[in-house]
C-alpha cells in the first residue's frame, strides 16, 4: 500500500522538477518514499527516547536545513496529500514503540510530499528537463536519498 496515489506522484514530479514518469516507475518511487518516511520516524523515535519522552514530537524528526527548505518549496507548490493513506500505510509496517503527537501526525503529508519533492529534484540533476526518467535515474536518486536519510 502506498502513502499516496500514482497520479499525485506523477503530478508532483512534473510540478516540482519538470520530469515525467511512466506508470511503471511510480511504484518504485512510492516504495522509496514509504521507506524514507518510516526511516525518519524510526530516528525520531530514538530522539524521543533520548529525551525521556514516550511520544514522538515533530522536533524529534531529523530535518536538516535543506529538508526544511524543501518542505517549504513543496508547500509553495500548493499540492496537498491526504493523511489517511499515509496512516494506513504506516499501520502495515512494524509498529513504532511510541505514539506520534498530533502535530507530527498532521505534518505527515508535508513530510511525504517533501520526500517526493526531494527525490524528484535529485533525479532532475541527472535527467534532462521534461524527459521520462529512466530506471537508472531512479536508482541513482534512491542511492543518494539513502545516503541522506
C-alpha atoms as a PDB file:
ATOM      1  CA  UNK A   1       0.000   0.000   0.000  1.00  0.00           C
ATOM      2  CA  UNK A   2       1.422   3.388  -0.970  1.00  0.00           C
ATOM      3  CA  UNK A   3       1.354   6.606   1.013  1.00  0.00           C
ATOM      4  CA  UNK A   4      -0.136   8.433  -1.970  1.00  0.00           C
ATOM      5  CA  UNK A   5      -1.600   7.661  -5.370  1.00  0.00           C
ATOM      6  CA  UNK A   6       0.120   7.324  -8.729  1.00  0.00           C
ATOM      7  CA  UNK A   7      -1.483  10.425 -10.243  1.00  0.00           C
ATOM      8  CA  UNK A   8      -0.327  12.577  -7.327  1.00  0.00           C
ATOM      9  CA  UNK A   9       3.264  11.321  -7.615  1.00  0.00           C
ATOM     10  CA  UNK A  10       3.246  11.943 -11.377  1.00  0.00           C
ATOM     11  CA  UNK A  11       1.867  15.457 -10.856  1.00  0.00           C
ATOM     12  CA  UNK A  12       4.424  16.263  -8.161  1.00  0.00           C
ATOM     13  CA  UNK A  13       7.334  15.103 -10.327  1.00  0.00           C
ATOM     14  CA  UNK A  14       6.092  17.294 -13.173  1.00  0.00           C
ATOM     15  CA  UNK A  15       5.390  20.330 -10.993  1.00  0.00           C
ATOM     16  CA  UNK A  16       8.462  20.059  -8.749  1.00  0.00           C
ATOM     17  CA  UNK A  17      11.100  19.122 -11.305  1.00  0.00           C
ATOM     18  CA  UNK A  18       9.571  19.240 -14.781  1.00  0.00           C
ATOM     19  CA  UNK A  19      10.016  15.481 -15.141  1.00  0.00           C
ATOM     20  CA  UNK A  20       7.613  12.910 -16.488  1.00  0.00           C
ATOM     21  CA  UNK A  21       7.388   9.438 -15.046  1.00  0.00           C
ATOM     22  CA  UNK A  22       5.630   6.498 -16.538  1.00  0.00           C
ATOM     23  CA  UNK A  23       3.303   4.279 -14.573  1.00  0.00           C
ATOM     24  CA  UNK A  24       5.898   1.514 -14.295  1.00  0.00           C
ATOM     25  CA  UNK A  25       8.145   3.752 -12.174  1.00  0.00           C
ATOM     26  CA  UNK A  26       5.515   5.117  -9.788  1.00  0.00           C
ATOM     27  CA  UNK A  27       5.554   2.067  -7.511  1.00  0.00           C
ATOM     28  CA  UNK A  28       9.346   2.183  -7.188  1.00  0.00           C
ATOM     29  CA  UNK A  29       9.209   5.881  -6.273  1.00  0.00           C
ATOM     30  CA  UNK A  30       6.397   5.232  -3.817  1.00  0.00           C
ATOM     31  CA  UNK A  31       8.357   2.380  -2.212  1.00  0.00           C
ATOM     32  CA  UNK A  32      11.394   4.625  -1.678  1.00  0.00           C
ATOM     33  CA  UNK A  33       9.285   7.448  -0.229  1.00  0.00           C
ATOM     34  CA  UNK A  34       7.403   4.997   2.015  1.00  0.00           C
ATOM     35  CA  UNK A  35      10.673   3.616   3.386  1.00  0.00           C
ATOM     36  CA  UNK A  36      12.298   7.026   3.889  1.00  0.00           C
ATOM     37  CA  UNK A  37       9.262   8.325   5.799  1.00  0.00           C
ATOM     38  CA  UNK A  38       9.409   5.295   8.061  1.00  0.00           C
ATOM     39  CA  UNK A  39      13.186   5.754   8.480  1.00  0.00           C
ATOM     40  CA  UNK A  40      12.643   9.359   9.583  1.00  0.00           C
ATOM     41  CA  UNK A  41      10.074   8.209  12.145  1.00  0.00           C
ATOM     42  CA  UNK A  42      12.378   5.468  13.481  1.00  0.00           C
ATOM     43  CA  UNK A  43      15.138   8.033  14.061  1.00  0.00           C
ATOM     44  CA  UNK A  44      12.580  10.413  15.588  1.00  0.00           C
ATOM     45  CA  UNK A  45      11.527   7.651  17.972  1.00  0.00           C
ATOM     46  CA  UNK A  46      15.140   7.308  19.101  1.00  0.00           C
ATOM     47  CA  UNK A  47      15.309  11.058  19.671  1.00  0.00           C
ATOM     48  CA  UNK A  48      12.120  10.948  21.756  1.00  0.00           C
ATOM     49  CA  UNK A  49      13.555   8.083  23.821  1.00  0.00           C
ATOM     50  CA  UNK A  50      16.797  10.035  24.332  1.00  0.00           C
ATOM     51  CA  UNK A  51      14.721  12.963  25.617  1.00  0.00           C
ATOM     52  CA  UNK A  52      12.830  10.687  28.037  1.00  0.00           C
ATOM     53  CA  UNK A  53       9.516  11.011  26.236  1.00  0.00           C
ATOM     54  CA  UNK A  54       7.129   8.274  25.180  1.00  0.00           C
ATOM     55  CA  UNK A  55       5.588  10.404  22.430  1.00  0.00           C
ATOM     56  CA  UNK A  56       7.345  11.393  19.199  1.00  0.00           C
ATOM     57  CA  UNK A  57       7.248  15.138  18.613  1.00  0.00           C
ATOM     58  CA  UNK A  58       7.776  16.961  15.340  1.00  0.00           C
ATOM     59  CA  UNK A  59      11.055  18.342  16.704  1.00  0.00           C
ATOM     60  CA  UNK A  60      12.307  14.741  17.039  1.00  0.00           C
ATOM     61  CA  UNK A  61      12.185  14.235  13.268  1.00  0.00           C
ATOM     62  CA  UNK A  62      15.733  14.751  11.931  1.00  0.00           C
ATOM     63  CA  UNK A  63      15.186  17.519   9.399  1.00  0.00           C
ATOM     64  CA  UNK A  64      18.230  19.313   8.042  1.00  0.00           C
ATOM     65  CA  UNK A  65      18.137  22.926   6.922  1.00  0.00           C
ATOM     66  CA  UNK A  66      17.902  21.719   3.312  1.00  0.00           C
ATOM     67  CA  UNK A  67      14.990  19.401   4.158  1.00  0.00           C
ATOM     68  CA  UNK A  68      13.163  22.269   5.851  1.00  0.00           C
ATOM     69  CA  UNK A  69      13.750  24.458   2.804  1.00  0.00           C
ATOM     70  CA  UNK A  70      12.492  21.658   0.547  1.00  0.00           C
ATOM     71  CA  UNK A  71       9.417  21.314   2.749  1.00  0.00           C
ATOM     72  CA  UNK A  72       8.676  24.989   2.206  1.00  0.00           C
ATOM     73  CA  UNK A  73       9.168  24.593  -1.552  1.00  0.00           C
ATOM     74  CA  UNK A  74       6.788  21.627  -1.519  1.00  0.00           C
ATOM     75  CA  UNK A  75       4.215  23.750   0.322  1.00  0.00           C
ATOM     76  CA  UNK A  76       4.722  26.534  -2.236  1.00  0.00           C
ATOM     77  CA  UNK A  77       3.579  24.086  -4.943  1.00  0.00           C
ATOM     78  CA  UNK A  78       0.170  24.133  -3.224  1.00  0.00           C
ATOM     79  CA  UNK A  79      -0.207  20.384  -3.605  1.00  0.00           C
ATOM     80  CA  UNK A  80      -1.801  18.512  -0.752  1.00  0.00           C
ATOM     81  CA  UNK A  81      -1.532  14.864   0.159  1.00  0.00           C
ATOM     82  CA  UNK A  82      -4.161  13.079   2.198  1.00  0.00           C
ATOM     83  CA  UNK A  83      -3.303  11.986   5.727  1.00  0.00           C
ATOM     84  CA  UNK A  84      -5.368   8.794   5.902  1.00  0.00           C
ATOM     85  CA  UNK A  85      -3.497   6.812   3.201  1.00  0.00           C
ATOM     86  CA  UNK A  86      -0.237   7.668   4.980  1.00  0.00           C
ATOM     87  CA  UNK A  87      -1.589   6.478   8.334  1.00  0.00           C
ATOM     88  CA  UNK A  88      -2.993   3.354   6.670  1.00  0.00           C
ATOM     89  CA  UNK A  89       0.407   2.605   5.151  1.00  0.00           C
ATOM     90  CA  UNK A  90       2.269   3.164   8.428  1.00  0.00           C
ATOM     91  CA  UNK A  91      -0.115   0.707  10.095  1.00  0.00           C
ATOM     92  CA  UNK A  92       1.218  -2.033   7.768  1.00  0.00           C
ATOM     93  CA  UNK A  93       4.823  -1.545   8.949  1.00  0.00           C
ATOM     94  CA  UNK A  94       6.455  -2.737  12.165  1.00  0.00           C
ATOM     95  CA  UNK A  95       4.868  -0.546  14.823  1.00  0.00           C
ATOM     96  CA  UNK A  96       6.805   2.226  16.466  1.00  0.00           C
ATOM     97  CA  UNK A  97       7.107   1.888  20.235  1.00  0.00           C
ATOM     98  CA  UNK A  98       5.931   5.447  20.779  1.00  0.00           C
ATOM     99  CA  UNK A  99       2.868   7.280  19.523  1.00  0.00           C
ATOM    100  CA  UNK A 100       3.084  10.293  17.244  1.00  0.00           C
ATOM    101  CA  UNK A 101       1.965  13.585  18.706  1.00  0.00           C
ATOM    102  CA  UNK A 102      -0.982  15.212  16.963  1.00  0.00           C
ATOM    103  CA  UNK A 103       1.133  17.993  15.403  1.00  0.00           C
ATOM    104  CA  UNK A 104       3.518  15.440  13.888  1.00  0.00           C
ATOM    105  CA  UNK A 105       0.659  13.307  12.625  1.00  0.00           C
ATOM    106  CA  UNK A 106      -0.813  16.351  10.863  1.00  0.00           C
ATOM    107  CA  UNK A 107       2.600  17.046   9.262  1.00  0.00           C
ATOM    108  CA  UNK A 108       2.956  13.544   7.758  1.00  0.00           C
ATOM    109  CA  UNK A 109       1.520  14.669   4.389  1.00  0.00           C
ATOM    110  CA  UNK A 110       4.067  17.515   4.273  1.00  0.00           C
ATOM    111  CA  UNK A 111       6.911  15.139   5.167  1.00  0.00           C
ATOM    112  CA  UNK A 112       5.778  12.695   2.492  1.00  0.00           C
ATOM    113  CA  UNK A 113       5.385  15.437  -0.103  1.00  0.00           C
ATOM    114  CA  UNK A 114       8.817  16.780   0.788  1.00  0.00           C
ATOM    115  CA  UNK A 115      10.381  13.370   0.230  1.00  0.00           C
ATOM    116  CA  UNK A 116       8.721  13.160  -3.196  1.00  0.00           C
ATOM    117  CA  UNK A 117       9.859  16.729  -3.949  1.00  0.00           C
ATOM    118  CA  UNK A 118      13.452  15.930  -2.916  1.00  0.00           C
ATOM    119  CA  UNK A 119      13.563  12.696  -4.904  1.00  0.00           C
ATOM    120  CA  UNK A 120      12.196  14.478  -7.982  1.00  0.00           C
ATOM    121  CA  UNK A 121      14.799  17.216  -7.706  1.00  0.00           C
ATOM    122  CA  UNK A 122      17.655  14.783  -7.140  1.00  0.00           C
ATOM    123  CA  UNK A 123      16.546  12.934 -10.269  1.00  0.00           C
ATOM    124  CA  UNK A 124      16.357  16.231 -12.175  1.00  0.00           C
ATOM    125  CA  UNK A 125      20.076  16.765 -11.585  1.00  0.00           C
ATOM    126  CA  UNK A 126      20.917  13.946 -13.993  1.00  0.00           C
ATOM    127  CA  UNK A 127      17.800  13.850 -16.191  1.00  0.00           C
ATOM    128  CA  UNK A 128      17.126  16.323 -18.998  1.00  0.00           C
ATOM    129  CA  UNK A 129      14.094  18.530 -18.402  1.00  0.00           C
ATOM    130  CA  UNK A 130      10.751  17.052 -19.428  1.00  0.00           C
ATOM    131  CA  UNK A 131      12.305  13.676 -20.075  1.00  0.00           C
ATOM    132  CA  UNK A 132      10.677  10.472 -18.957  1.00  0.00           C
ATOM    133  CA  UNK A 133      13.081   9.300 -16.290  1.00  0.00           C
ATOM    134  CA  UNK A 134      14.900   6.018 -16.677  1.00  0.00           C
ATOM    135  CA  UNK A 135      15.272   3.179 -14.217  1.00  0.00           C
ATOM    136  CA  UNK A 136      18.941   4.174 -13.814  1.00  0.00           C
ATOM    137  CA  UNK A 137      17.921   7.763 -12.972  1.00  0.00           C
ATOM    138  CA  UNK A 138      15.565   6.483 -10.289  1.00  0.00           C
ATOM    139  CA  UNK A 139      18.143   4.124  -8.832  1.00  0.00           C
ATOM    140  CA  UNK A 140      20.712   6.944  -8.628  1.00  0.00           C
ATOM    141  CA  UNK A 141      18.192   9.172  -6.863  1.00  0.00           C
ATOM    142  CA  UNK A 142      17.363   6.369  -4.434  1.00  0.00           C
ATOM    143  CA  UNK A 143      21.050   5.788  -3.623  1.00  0.00           C
ATOM    144  CA  UNK A 144      21.545   9.500  -2.940  1.00  0.00           C
ATOM    145  CA  UNK A 145      18.429   9.647  -0.769  1.00  0.00           C
ATOM    146  CA  UNK A 146      19.643   6.574   1.135  1.00  0.00           C
ATOM    147  CA  UNK A 147      22.909   8.374   1.892  1.00  0.00           C
ATOM    148  CA  UNK A 148      20.997  11.338   3.297  1.00  0.00           C
ATOM    149  CA  UNK A 149      18.115   9.721   5.191  1.00  0.00           C
END
